Amino acid sequence: MTPEQRQEALAKAAEARKARSELLASIKDGSESIEKVLNRAKDDKTVGKTKVTQLLKAVPGLGAVKVAALLEQAGIDPDRRAAGLGDRQREA
């Protein structure tokens, strides 16, 4: 990997982290609902590559224990990314 390619990759990664951070902040402050976010997971790379656990933890009132219980109840692996959810899992 050339130094230029490395710099491009680092810039792209930083941009993705910033977009993910903004997404989680919008869920946390209530400007976006988790349902709307999950529905765009197939089309939006940022949402699609974010783990469902991270998205749910951003919802006010949901901590690690509640999120783990919800995921187990719905039969969703904690490491699953939003784009990998099926329709039934998304509804749960």
C-alpha atoms as a PDB file:
ATOM      1  CA  MET A   1       0.000   0.000   0.000  1.00  0.00           C
ATOM      2  CA  THR A   2       1.422   3.330  -1.026  1.00  0.00           C
ATOM      3  CA  PRO A   3       1.468   6.252   1.400  1.00  0.00           C
ATOM      4  CA  GLU A   4      -1.224   7.983  -0.687  1.00  0.00           C
ATOM      5  CA  GLN A   5      -3.490   4.928  -0.537  1.00  0.00           C
ATOM      6  CA  ARG A   6      -2.923   4.697   3.190  1.00  0.00           C
ATOM      7  CA  GLN A   7      -3.880   8.355   3.683  1.00  0.00           C
ATOM      8  CA  GLU A   8      -7.024   7.864   1.576  1.00  0.00           C
ATOM      9  CA  ALA A   9      -7.988   4.807   3.613  1.00  0.00           C
ATOM     10  CA  LEU A  10      -7.428   6.669   6.882  1.00  0.00           C
ATOM     11  CA  ALA A  11      -9.522   9.610   5.682  1.00  0.00           C
ATOM     12  CA  LYS A  12     -12.309   7.280   4.545  1.00  0.00           C
ATOM     13  CA  ALA A  13     -12.285   5.485   7.909  1.00  0.00           C
ATOM     14  CA  ALA A  14     -12.396   8.782   9.809  1.00  0.00           C
ATOM     15  CA  GLU A  15     -15.348   9.913   7.685  1.00  0.00           C
ATOM     16  CA  ALA A  16     -17.193   6.648   8.393  1.00  0.00           C
ATOM     17  CA  ARG A  17     -16.580   7.004  12.150  1.00  0.00           C
ATOM     18  CA  LYS A  18     -17.879  10.574  12.066  1.00  0.00           C
ATOM     19  CA  ALA A  19     -21.014   9.548  10.154  1.00  0.00           C
ATOM     20  CA  ARG A  20     -21.652   6.671  12.582  1.00  0.00           C
ATOM     21  CA  SER A  21     -21.174   9.012  15.536  1.00  0.00           C
ATOM     22  CA  GLU A  22     -23.680  11.493  14.071  1.00  0.00           C
ATOM     23  CA  LEU A  23     -26.153   8.664  13.441  1.00  0.00           C
ATOM     24  CA  LEU A  24     -25.933   7.427  17.029  1.00  0.00           C
ATOM     25  CA  ALA A  25     -26.256  10.998  18.339  1.00  0.00           C
ATOM     26  CA  SER A  26     -29.417  11.527  16.273  1.00  0.00           C
ATOM     27  CA  ILE A  27     -30.944   8.381  17.782  1.00  0.00           C
ATOM     28  CA  LYS A  28     -29.897   9.447  21.261  1.00  0.00           C
ATOM     29  CA  ASP A  29     -31.401  12.937  20.986  1.00  0.00           C
ATOM     30  CA  GLY A  30     -34.633  11.587  19.509  1.00  0.00           C
ATOM     31  CA  SER A  31     -34.415  13.276  16.108  1.00  0.00           C
ATOM     32  CA  GLU A  32     -34.466   9.816  14.475  1.00  0.00           C
ATOM     33  CA  SER A  33     -36.340   6.737  15.607  1.00  0.00           C
ATOM     34  CA  ILE A  34     -34.715   3.312  15.667  1.00  0.00           C
ATOM     35  CA  GLU A  35     -37.443   2.026  13.312  1.00  0.00           C
ATOM     36  CA  LYS A  36     -36.630   4.615  10.635  1.00  0.00           C
ATOM     37  CA  VAL A  37     -32.917   3.964  10.992  1.00  0.00           C
ATOM     38  CA  LEU A  38     -33.303   0.186  10.676  1.00  0.00           C
ATOM     39  CA  ASN A  39     -35.543   0.594   7.627  1.00  0.00           C
ATOM     40  CA  ARG A  40     -32.762   2.422   5.773  1.00  0.00           C
ATOM     41  CA  ALA A  41     -30.121  -0.173   6.668  1.00  0.00           C
ATOM     42  CA  LYS A  42     -30.167  -1.804   3.222  1.00  0.00           C
ATOM     43  CA  ASP A  43     -29.620   1.476   1.355  1.00  0.00           C
ATOM     44  CA  ASP A  44     -27.436   3.495   3.748  1.00  0.00           C
ATOM     45  CA  LYS A  45     -23.884   2.134   4.154  1.00  0.00           C
ATOM     46  CA  THR A  46     -23.366   3.883   7.476  1.00  0.00           C
ATOM     47  CA  VAL A  47     -26.467   2.326   8.998  1.00  0.00           C
ATOM     48  CA  GLY A  48     -25.901  -1.041   7.336  1.00  0.00           C
ATOM     49  CA  LYS A  49     -22.399  -1.445   8.722  1.00  0.00           C
ATOM     50  CA  THR A  50     -23.348  -0.416  12.258  1.00  0.00           C
ATOM     51  CA  LYS A  51     -23.944  -3.192  14.770  1.00  0.00           C
ATOM     52  CA  VAL A  52     -27.522  -3.532  15.991  1.00  0.00           C
ATOM     53  CA  THR A  53     -26.205  -3.515  19.570  1.00  0.00           C
ATOM     54  CA  GLN A  54     -24.691  -0.043  19.054  1.00  0.00           C
ATOM     55  CA  LEU A  55     -27.905   1.281  17.521  1.00  0.00           C
ATOM     56  CA  LEU A  56     -30.049  -0.011  20.377  1.00  0.00           C
ATOM     57  CA  LYS A  57     -27.682   1.264  23.074  1.00  0.00           C
ATOM     58  CA  ALA A  58     -28.104   4.751  21.589  1.00  0.00           C
ATOM     59  CA  VAL A  59     -31.835   4.656  22.398  1.00  0.00           C
ATOM     60  CA  PRO A  60     -32.471   6.549  25.654  1.00  0.00           C
ATOM     61  CA  GLY A  61     -33.351   4.148  28.463  1.00  0.00           C
ATOM     62  CA  LEU A  62     -31.710   1.101  26.901  1.00  0.00           C
ATOM     63  CA  GLY A  63     -28.461  -0.034  28.466  1.00  0.00           C
ATOM     64  CA  ALA A  64     -26.274  -3.055  27.873  1.00  0.00           C
ATOM     65  CA  VAL A  65     -28.422  -5.447  29.931  1.00  0.00           C
ATOM     66  CA  LYS A  66     -31.743  -4.455  28.336  1.00  0.00           C
ATOM     67  CA  VAL A  67     -30.221  -4.533  24.855  1.00  0.00           C
ATOM     68  CA  ALA A  68     -28.788  -8.015  25.452  1.00  0.00           C
ATOM     69  CA  ALA A  69     -32.184  -9.237  26.683  1.00  0.00           C
ATOM     70  CA  LEU A  70     -34.003  -7.715  23.690  1.00  0.00           C
ATOM     71  CA  LEU A  71     -31.585  -9.258  21.213  1.00  0.00           C
ATOM     72  CA  GLU A  72     -31.827 -12.670  22.861  1.00  0.00           C
ATOM     73  CA  GLN A  73     -35.618 -12.495  22.910  1.00  0.00           C
ATOM     74  CA  ALA A  74     -35.682 -11.579  19.200  1.00  0.00           C
ATOM     75  CA  GLY A  75     -33.091 -14.228  18.314  1.00  0.00           C
ATOM     76  CA  ILE A  76     -30.571 -11.719  16.981  1.00  0.00           C
ATOM     77  CA  ASP A  77     -26.830 -12.279  17.369  1.00  0.00           C
ATOM     78  CA  PRO A  78     -25.247  -9.344  19.292  1.00  0.00           C
ATOM     79  CA  ASP A  79     -22.572  -9.033  16.581  1.00  0.00           C
ATOM     80  CA  ARG A  80     -25.116  -8.739  13.747  1.00  0.00           C
ATOM     81  CA  ARG A  81     -24.921  -5.615  11.647  1.00  0.00           C
ATOM     82  CA  ALA A  82     -28.078  -3.706  10.717  1.00  0.00           C
ATOM     83  CA  ALA A  83     -27.905  -4.628   7.021  1.00  0.00           C
ATOM     84  CA  GLY A  84     -27.850  -8.317   7.962  1.00  0.00           C
ATOM     85  CA  LEU A  85     -31.227  -8.255   9.698  1.00  0.00           C
ATOM     86  CA  GLY A  86     -34.159 -10.031   8.116  1.00  0.00           C
ATOM     87  CA  ASP A  87     -37.606  -8.469   7.864  1.00  0.00           C
ATOM     88  CA  ARG A  88     -38.927 -10.352  10.891  1.00  0.00           C
ATOM     89  CA  GLN A  89     -35.879  -9.485  12.975  1.00  0.00           C
ATOM     90  CA  ARG A  90     -36.231  -5.829  12.003  1.00  0.00           C
ATOM     91  CA  GLU A  91     -39.878  -5.864  13.117  1.00  0.00           C
ATOM     92  CA  ALA A  92     -38.994  -7.439  16.465  1.00  0.00           C
END
